[in-house]
């Protein structure tokens, strides 16, 4: 009997050691992949431009997310196919009352796009997003043929658990849709959108209210207008679904989105909007409910640095 207990104890001890070793190897592999991923993105960031990222990636409560919600489930089921960039869509129809023209570009000579080399490296890159004072300083990928292509792939197309930031299929930078929705993993390491939930704190939101988006044509500046928790609902649920709003061709469509994000916002940012304004929406997983999402919406406030066209 004692021999059996001894054998069982040894087996359990051995199993524990194997489990710990496997966990250590997995953790080491994960950390190395995080490091390699950040080094890869560092190589893409312009040398001449000071990085606005924090030097250390903060830890974040919550697990790594799968973008199986607004990207991989309901929002990828479209009634019609999405346009390729450059095609004429309803986004070309700008209402006469649109205030887009009221956001003038600063009087400055055209400049070279600081991310021009990155666009040349990967045609799937739609823009580069940067939030000063945070780790968010990444390319944004757009693949209408397969919205989930970069879900678990790096900029180079190789397998990477961090994936890339993904511009929703029905969003478009050219022609510009009313709302650009960008999805990103909520990584424990803080990479990608792993630090986005910090915006739940109004002080943090006030200190990091500015978002920059470098598109092929210009640099767009945004200011946070709403921060809220949401979720991916069933198709039959008659509720506000932020991930369904891309284009406002009427003031009614615009007002419905605007009123709802303001009502959901955790705090008043002091920023307002009116028909004709444009938005950027950052979305990541949250664990307050099943299929939960944490969302930051910002309004476009300025267009600067009009870029020279890329050489043919």
Foldseek 3Di string as FASTA:
>chain_A
DVVVVVVVVVVVVVVVVVVVVVVVVVVVVQVVLVVVQVVVQVVQQQPVDDALADPAQDFFPDAKDQPCFCAVPDVLDDPDAADDFQDDDLQVQFDPPACQVVFDAPPDDAAAQSRVVVCVVDVQFFWWKGFGNHRRTFTEGEDSVHQCQQSQAGSNSHGHNQGGWYWHNNAYVHVGAQETEIEGILHRRNPTCVPVVVVLDVVVCLVRQWMWIGGLFFIWIWGWAAKAKDFRDDPPDPDDDLSVDTHDPDQVSVCVNQVVRNVGGSDGPVDHDGHNWGKYKYWYADVPDVRMIIIIMIITRHIYNGHDHDDD
